Amino acid sequence: MVYIKKNKKKRLFKIAVFVFALVFICVSALRAVNRKADEYITELARTGLARAVTEMINDAVFESMSEGAYGELAKTAYDAGGRVRSITVDSTAVNIMRADVSRRLCEKLGELEKFYVDVDLSNIFEDEVIFGGSPISVTVDIVPTGGVETDVKSEFVSAGINQTNYRMNLTVDASITADVISSFTVDVSTSINIVDMLIVGDVPTVVWN
């Protein structure tokens, strides 16, 4: 009887060890899959969200330039020989446009409460046979933070022999925080050309009015 009890205890001990090992392996595998899924889905969401915000910025600038009555943001003055003497920038109109772009973009970002990414399970489990062609849609919760910042910069760029391009660029910066498996922040910076002049001759003086 003692021998039978000892064998039974050994069997129970082996079963307990096996169950513990199986649970440990399963938990480790789930943690590894969860970590990989987190990295993969976050990267997908980050890339897709950055692209969506960039499109919103472009739309906000286009709508503002199309609907806003800003007149000429920059005007040229010529000398007696027909050469450009100076470029005068209407700083009031530029600042009004900056404020309008910021307002439009904030409204668009405020409407972006959800964002969806299609996740291919085969990229997480690394198995094309079982999970190939099995995408799932993951919802990303969006929390706009950091606001929107705009800035205007001017530059002269050589355009060939005795030719220069005067460009005025509107830079828009936006910061977005999102929650999927973990939280992450996307910072998007886009520069859009709003004035482009080809000048033949000497580089003129730029005056901000």
C-alpha atoms as a PDB file:
ATOM      1  CA  MET A   1       0.000   0.000   0.000  1.00  0.00           C
ATOM      2  CA  VAL A   2       2.830   2.366   0.804  1.00  0.00           C
ATOM      3  CA  TYR A   3       4.424   1.645  -2.570  1.00  0.00           C
ATOM      4  CA  ILE A   4       1.154   2.426  -4.360  1.00  0.00           C
ATOM      5  CA  LYS A   5       0.767   5.731  -2.497  1.00  0.00           C
ATOM      6  CA  LYS A   6       4.324   6.744  -3.385  1.00  0.00           C
ATOM      7  CA  ASN A   7       3.711   6.003  -7.075  1.00  0.00           C
ATOM      8  CA  LYS A   8       0.487   7.981  -6.940  1.00  0.00           C
ATOM      9  CA  LYS A   9       2.275  10.958  -5.391  1.00  0.00           C
ATOM     10  CA  LYS A  10       4.974  10.754  -8.055  1.00  0.00           C
ATOM     11  CA  ARG A  11       2.358  10.699 -10.804  1.00  0.00           C
ATOM     12  CA  LEU A  12       0.532  13.662  -9.284  1.00  0.00           C
ATOM     13  CA  PHE A  13       3.827  15.523  -8.960  1.00  0.00           C
ATOM     14  CA  LYS A  14       4.696  14.832 -12.609  1.00  0.00           C
ATOM     15  CA  ILE A  15       1.229  15.927 -13.705  1.00  0.00           C
ATOM     16  CA  ALA A  16       1.548  19.134 -11.663  1.00  0.00           C
ATOM     17  CA  VAL A  17       4.965  19.849 -13.174  1.00  0.00           C
ATOM     18  CA  PHE A  18       3.606  19.194 -16.682  1.00  0.00           C
ATOM     19  CA  VAL A  19       0.597  21.448 -16.115  1.00  0.00           C
ATOM     20  CA  PHE A  20       2.802  24.180 -14.669  1.00  0.00           C
ATOM     21  CA  ALA A  21       5.214  23.931 -17.618  1.00  0.00           C
ATOM     22  CA  LEU A  22       2.316  23.993 -20.087  1.00  0.00           C
ATOM     23  CA  VAL A  23       0.778  27.059 -18.423  1.00  0.00           C
ATOM     24  CA  PHE A  24       4.180  28.769 -18.341  1.00  0.00           C
ATOM     25  CA  ILE A  25       4.735  28.071 -22.056  1.00  0.00           C
ATOM     26  CA  CYS A  26       1.241  29.289 -22.945  1.00  0.00           C
ATOM     27  CA  VAL A  27       1.610  32.469 -20.903  1.00  0.00           C
ATOM     28  CA  SER A  28       5.061  33.151 -22.406  1.00  0.00           C
ATOM     29  CA  ALA A  29       3.709  32.556 -25.915  1.00  0.00           C
ATOM     30  CA  LEU A  30       0.735  34.844 -25.302  1.00  0.00           C
ATOM     31  CA  ARG A  31       3.012  37.567 -23.933  1.00  0.00           C
ATOM     32  CA  ALA A  32       5.288  37.262 -26.975  1.00  0.00           C
ATOM     33  CA  VAL A  33       2.315  37.417 -29.353  1.00  0.00           C
ATOM     34  CA  ASN A  34       0.848  40.356 -27.432  1.00  0.00           C
ATOM     35  CA  ARG A  35       4.156  42.218 -27.576  1.00  0.00           C
ATOM     36  CA  LYS A  36       4.526  41.592 -31.309  1.00  0.00           C
ATOM     37  CA  ALA A  37       0.896  42.536 -31.943  1.00  0.00           C
ATOM     38  CA  ASP A  38       1.388  45.735 -29.962  1.00  0.00           C
ATOM     39  CA  GLU A  39       4.452  46.723 -31.991  1.00  0.00           C
ATOM     40  CA  TYR A  40       2.920  45.756 -35.338  1.00  0.00           C
ATOM     41  CA  ILE A  41      -0.489  47.380 -34.793  1.00  0.00           C
ATOM     42  CA  THR A  42       1.049  50.503 -33.260  1.00  0.00           C
ATOM     43  CA  GLU A  43       3.335  50.942 -36.267  1.00  0.00           C
ATOM     44  CA  LEU A  44       0.404  50.457 -38.652  1.00  0.00           C
ATOM     45  CA  ALA A  45      -1.701  52.963 -36.709  1.00  0.00           C
ATOM     46  CA  ARG A  46       1.164  55.454 -36.468  1.00  0.00           C
ATOM     47  CA  THR A  47       1.826  55.364 -40.215  1.00  0.00           C
ATOM     48  CA  GLY A  48      -1.845  55.501 -41.182  1.00  0.00           C
ATOM     49  CA  LEU A  49      -2.642  58.267 -38.713  1.00  0.00           C
ATOM     50  CA  ALA A  50       0.304  60.395 -39.872  1.00  0.00           C
ATOM     51  CA  ARG A  51      -0.909  60.033 -43.459  1.00  0.00           C
ATOM     52  CA  ALA A  52      -4.487  60.954 -42.488  1.00  0.00           C
ATOM     53  CA  VAL A  53      -3.377  64.049 -40.537  1.00  0.00           C
ATOM     54  CA  THR A  54      -1.133  65.153 -43.424  1.00  0.00           C
ATOM     55  CA  GLU A  55      -4.143  64.940 -45.757  1.00  0.00           C
ATOM     56  CA  MET A  56      -6.180  66.997 -43.284  1.00  0.00           C
ATOM     57  CA  ILE A  57      -3.472  69.667 -43.207  1.00  0.00           C
ATOM     58  CA  ASN A  58      -3.374  69.819 -47.001  1.00  0.00           C
ATOM     59  CA  ASP A  59      -7.176  70.030 -47.152  1.00  0.00           C
ATOM     60  CA  ALA A  60      -7.281  72.793 -44.523  1.00  0.00           C
ATOM     61  CA  VAL A  61      -4.690  74.871 -46.415  1.00  0.00           C
ATOM     62  CA  PHE A  62      -6.399  74.277 -49.773  1.00  0.00           C
ATOM     63  CA  GLU A  63      -9.818  75.249 -48.393  1.00  0.00           C
ATOM     64  CA  SER A  64      -8.394  78.342 -46.732  1.00  0.00           C
ATOM     65  CA  MET A  65      -6.555  79.461 -49.866  1.00  0.00           C
ATOM     66  CA  SER A  66      -9.644  78.778 -52.018  1.00  0.00           C
ATOM     67  CA  GLU A  67     -12.285  80.363 -49.788  1.00  0.00           C
ATOM     68  CA  GLY A  68     -10.304  83.081 -48.014  1.00  0.00           C
ATOM     69  CA  ALA A  69     -10.235  86.612 -49.460  1.00  0.00           C
ATOM     70  CA  TYR A  70      -6.561  87.309 -48.799  1.00  0.00           C
ATOM     71  CA  GLY A  71      -5.721  89.074 -52.042  1.00  0.00           C
ATOM     72  CA  GLU A  72      -2.055  88.939 -52.981  1.00  0.00           C
ATOM     73  CA  LEU A  73       0.096  87.691 -50.141  1.00  0.00           C
ATOM     74  CA  ALA A  74       3.179  89.156 -51.825  1.00  0.00           C
ATOM     75  CA  LYS A  75       3.576  91.938 -54.390  1.00  0.00           C
ATOM     76  CA  THR A  76       6.573  92.954 -56.487  1.00  0.00           C
ATOM     77  CA  ALA A  77       7.877  96.468 -57.146  1.00  0.00           C
ATOM     78  CA  TYR A  78       9.980  97.195 -60.260  1.00  0.00           C
ATOM     79  CA  ASP A  79      12.638  99.779 -61.068  1.00  0.00           C
ATOM     80  CA  ALA A  80      12.842 101.879 -64.240  1.00  0.00           C
ATOM     81  CA  GLY A  81      14.643  99.055 -66.031  1.00  0.00           C
ATOM     82  CA  GLY A  82      11.825  96.571 -65.364  1.00  0.00           C
ATOM     83  CA  ARG A  83      13.807  94.600 -62.806  1.00  0.00           C
ATOM     84  CA  VAL A  84      12.264  93.507 -59.506  1.00  0.00           C
ATOM     85  CA  ARG A  85      13.402  95.962 -56.838  1.00  0.00           C
ATOM     86  CA  SER A  86      11.526  94.572 -53.835  1.00  0.00           C
ATOM     87  CA  ILE A  87       8.884  92.106 -52.727  1.00  0.00           C
ATOM     88  CA  THR A  88       6.328  93.344 -50.218  1.00  0.00           C
ATOM     89  CA  VAL A  89       4.579  90.739 -48.090  1.00  0.00           C
ATOM     90  CA  ASP A  90       1.127  91.489 -46.687  1.00  0.00           C
ATOM     91  CA  SER A  91       1.793  90.260 -43.147  1.00  0.00           C
ATOM     92  CA  THR A  92      -1.819  90.949 -42.063  1.00  0.00           C
ATOM     93  CA  ALA A  93      -3.212  88.673 -44.755  1.00  0.00           C
ATOM     94  CA  VAL A  94      -0.584  86.032 -43.967  1.00  0.00           C
ATOM     95  CA  ASN A  95      -1.465  86.028 -40.265  1.00  0.00           C
ATOM     96  CA  ILE A  96      -5.200  85.846 -41.013  1.00  0.00           C
ATOM     97  CA  MET A  97      -4.555  82.862 -43.277  1.00  0.00           C
ATOM     98  CA  ARG A  98      -2.434  81.164 -40.578  1.00  0.00           C
ATOM     99  CA  ALA A  99      -5.248  81.590 -38.049  1.00  0.00           C
ATOM    100  CA  ASP A 100      -7.842  80.309 -40.530  1.00  0.00           C
ATOM    101  CA  VAL A 101      -5.763  77.226 -41.363  1.00  0.00           C
ATOM    102  CA  SER A 102      -5.324  76.489 -37.648  1.00  0.00           C
ATOM    103  CA  ARG A 103      -9.069  76.808 -37.039  1.00  0.00           C
ATOM    104  CA  ARG A 104      -9.997  74.560 -39.944  1.00  0.00           C
ATOM    105  CA  LEU A 105      -7.443  71.927 -38.979  1.00  0.00           C
ATOM    106  CA  CYS A 106      -8.529  71.918 -35.315  1.00  0.00           C
ATOM    107  CA  GLU A 107     -12.123  71.332 -36.447  1.00  0.00           C
ATOM    108  CA  LYS A 108     -11.047  68.412 -38.630  1.00  0.00           C
ATOM    109  CA  LEU A 109      -8.952  66.880 -35.853  1.00  0.00           C
ATOM    110  CA  GLY A 110     -11.824  67.312 -33.406  1.00  0.00           C
ATOM    111  CA  GLU A 111     -14.004  65.150 -35.669  1.00  0.00           C
ATOM    112  CA  LEU A 112     -11.358  62.412 -35.749  1.00  0.00           C
ATOM    113  CA  GLU A 113     -12.517  60.350 -32.767  1.00  0.00           C
ATOM    114  CA  LYS A 114     -11.900  56.910 -34.270  1.00  0.00           C
ATOM    115  CA  PHE A 115      -9.345  55.547 -36.672  1.00  0.00           C
ATOM    116  CA  TYR A 116      -9.351  52.059 -38.148  1.00  0.00           C
ATOM    117  CA  VAL A 117      -6.446  49.920 -39.312  1.00  0.00           C
ATOM    118  CA  ASP A 118      -6.623  46.552 -41.085  1.00  0.00           C
ATOM    119  CA  VAL A 119      -4.321  44.035 -39.416  1.00  0.00           C
ATOM    120  CA  ASP A 120      -3.172  40.890 -41.225  1.00  0.00           C
ATOM    121  CA  LEU A 121      -2.939  38.136 -38.585  1.00  0.00           C
ATOM    122  CA  SER A 122      -0.306  36.278 -40.620  1.00  0.00           C
ATOM    123  CA  ASN A 123       2.146  39.114 -39.889  1.00  0.00           C
ATOM    124  CA  ILE A 124       1.658  38.607 -36.153  1.00  0.00           C
ATOM    125  CA  PHE A 125       1.647  34.815 -36.012  1.00  0.00           C
ATOM    126  CA  GLU A 126       4.063  34.415 -38.934  1.00  0.00           C
ATOM    127  CA  ASP A 127       1.885  31.752 -40.525  1.00  0.00           C
ATOM    128  CA  GLU A 128       0.587  32.312 -44.040  1.00  0.00           C
ATOM    129  CA  VAL A 129      -1.032  28.857 -44.226  1.00  0.00           C
ATOM    130  CA  ILE A 130      -3.428  29.238 -41.290  1.00  0.00           C
ATOM    131  CA  PHE A 131      -3.745  33.017 -40.990  1.00  0.00           C
ATOM    132  CA  GLY A 132      -2.985  34.142 -44.551  1.00  0.00           C
ATOM    133  CA  GLY A 133      -5.635  36.433 -45.967  1.00  0.00           C
ATOM    134  CA  SER A 134      -7.316  36.876 -42.587  1.00  0.00           C
ATOM    135  CA  PRO A 135      -7.305  40.621 -41.912  1.00  0.00           C
ATOM    136  CA  ILE A 136      -9.146  42.069 -38.946  1.00  0.00           C
ATOM    137  CA  SER A 137     -10.152  45.670 -38.339  1.00  0.00           C
ATOM    138  CA  VAL A 138      -8.723  47.288 -35.202  1.00  0.00           C
ATOM    139  CA  THR A 139     -10.218  50.464 -33.747  1.00  0.00           C
ATOM    140  CA  VAL A 140      -7.820  53.174 -32.622  1.00  0.00           C
ATOM    141  CA  ASP A 141      -9.157  55.789 -30.202  1.00  0.00           C
ATOM    142  CA  ILE A 142      -7.896  59.289 -31.050  1.00  0.00           C
ATOM    143  CA  VAL A 143      -7.212  62.029 -28.494  1.00  0.00           C
ATOM    144  CA  PRO A 144      -6.008  65.248 -30.176  1.00  0.00           C
ATOM    145  CA  THR A 145      -3.415  66.930 -27.943  1.00  0.00           C
ATOM    146  CA  GLY A 146      -0.781  69.601 -28.229  1.00  0.00           C
ATOM    147  CA  GLY A 147      -2.846  71.777 -30.538  1.00  0.00           C
ATOM    148  CA  VAL A 148      -1.770  73.105 -33.913  1.00  0.00           C
ATOM    149  CA  GLU A 149       1.102  75.461 -34.649  1.00  0.00           C
ATOM    150  CA  THR A 150       1.699  77.369 -37.878  1.00  0.00           C
ATOM    151  CA  ASP A 151       4.671  79.338 -39.122  1.00  0.00           C
ATOM    152  CA  VAL A 152       5.654  81.105 -42.345  1.00  0.00           C
ATOM    153  CA  LYS A 153       9.159  81.123 -43.765  1.00  0.00           C
ATOM    154  CA  SER A 154      10.580  82.832 -46.845  1.00  0.00           C
ATOM    155  CA  GLU A 155      13.503  81.677 -48.944  1.00  0.00           C
ATOM    156  CA  PHE A 156      15.321  82.388 -52.187  1.00  0.00           C
ATOM    157  CA  VAL A 157      16.264  79.365 -54.287  1.00  0.00           C
ATOM    158  CA  SER A 158      18.520  79.446 -57.340  1.00  0.00           C
ATOM    159  CA  ALA A 159      16.562  78.575 -60.496  1.00  0.00           C
ATOM    160  CA  GLY A 160      19.328  78.758 -63.092  1.00  0.00           C
ATOM    161  CA  ILE A 161      21.554  81.413 -64.616  1.00  0.00           C
ATOM    162  CA  ASN A 162      20.524  84.847 -63.356  1.00  0.00           C
ATOM    163  CA  GLN A 163      17.203  83.444 -62.121  1.00  0.00           C
ATOM    164  CA  THR A 164      15.900  83.047 -58.566  1.00  0.00           C
ATOM    165  CA  ASN A 165      12.734  81.617 -57.046  1.00  0.00           C
ATOM    166  CA  TYR A 166      11.188  83.465 -54.125  1.00  0.00           C
ATOM    167  CA  ARG A 167       9.137  81.057 -52.048  1.00  0.00           C
ATOM    168  CA  MET A 168       6.959  81.518 -49.016  1.00  0.00           C
ATOM    169  CA  ASN A 169       6.161  78.276 -47.172  1.00  0.00           C
ATOM    170  CA  LEU A 170       3.496  77.670 -44.548  1.00  0.00           C
ATOM    171  CA  THR A 171       4.637  75.107 -41.968  1.00  0.00           C
ATOM    172  CA  VAL A 172       1.913  73.338 -39.996  1.00  0.00           C
ATOM    173  CA  ASP A 173       2.705  71.183 -36.940  1.00  0.00           C
ATOM    174  CA  ALA A 174       0.104  68.936 -35.311  1.00  0.00           C
ATOM    175  CA  SER A 175       0.351  66.496 -32.393  1.00  0.00           C
ATOM    176  CA  ILE A 176      -2.052  63.569 -31.990  1.00  0.00           C
ATOM    177  CA  THR A 177      -2.245  60.994 -29.185  1.00  0.00           C
ATOM    178  CA  ALA A 178      -3.892  57.634 -29.906  1.00  0.00           C
ATOM    179  CA  ASP A 179      -4.808  54.530 -27.901  1.00  0.00           C
ATOM    180  CA  VAL A 180      -4.735  51.076 -29.444  1.00  0.00           C
ATOM    181  CA  ILE A 181      -3.055  48.351 -27.356  1.00  0.00           C
ATOM    182  CA  SER A 182      -0.817  51.000 -25.840  1.00  0.00           C
ATOM    183  CA  SER A 183      -0.773  54.787 -26.116  1.00  0.00           C
ATOM    184  CA  PHE A 184       1.421  56.591 -28.629  1.00  0.00           C
ATOM    185  CA  THR A 185       1.822  60.104 -30.039  1.00  0.00           C
ATOM    186  CA  VAL A 186       2.154  61.133 -33.678  1.00  0.00           C
ATOM    187  CA  ASP A 187       3.818  64.450 -34.488  1.00  0.00           C
ATOM    188  CA  VAL A 188       3.174  65.634 -38.039  1.00  0.00           C
ATOM    189  CA  SER A 189       4.982  68.565 -39.650  1.00  0.00           C
ATOM    190  CA  THR A 190       4.101  69.648 -43.183  1.00  0.00           C
ATOM    191  CA  SER A 191       5.452  72.535 -45.232  1.00  0.00           C
ATOM    192  CA  ILE A 192       3.225  73.877 -48.010  1.00  0.00           C
ATOM    193  CA  ASN A 193       4.233  76.451 -50.611  1.00  0.00           C
ATOM    194  CA  ILE A 194       1.848  79.438 -50.679  1.00  0.00           C
ATOM    195  CA  VAL A 195       3.884  81.918 -52.759  1.00  0.00           C
ATOM    196  CA  ASP A 196       6.279  81.100 -55.615  1.00  0.00           C
ATOM    197  CA  MET A 197       7.812  83.843 -57.788  1.00  0.00           C
ATOM    198  CA  LEU A 198      10.423  83.502 -60.519  1.00  0.00           C
ATOM    199  CA  ILE A 199      12.754  86.514 -60.513  1.00  0.00           C
ATOM    200  CA  VAL A 200      15.151  87.323 -63.325  1.00  0.00           C
ATOM    201  CA  GLY A 201      18.126  89.441 -62.263  1.00  0.00           C
ATOM    202  CA  ASP A 202      19.442  90.466 -58.877  1.00  0.00           C
ATOM    203  CA  VAL A 203      17.851  89.163 -55.693  1.00  0.00           C
ATOM    204  CA  PRO A 204      15.444  91.858 -54.423  1.00  0.00           C
ATOM    205  CA  THR A 205      14.746  93.031 -50.899  1.00  0.00           C
ATOM    206  CA  VAL A 206      11.835  91.427 -49.021  1.00  0.00           C
ATOM    207  CA  VAL A 207       9.682  93.796 -46.961  1.00  0.00           C
ATOM    208  CA  TRP A 208       7.104  92.517 -44.460  1.00  0.00           C
ATOM    209  CA  ASN A 209       4.363  95.137 -44.429  1.00  0.00           C
END
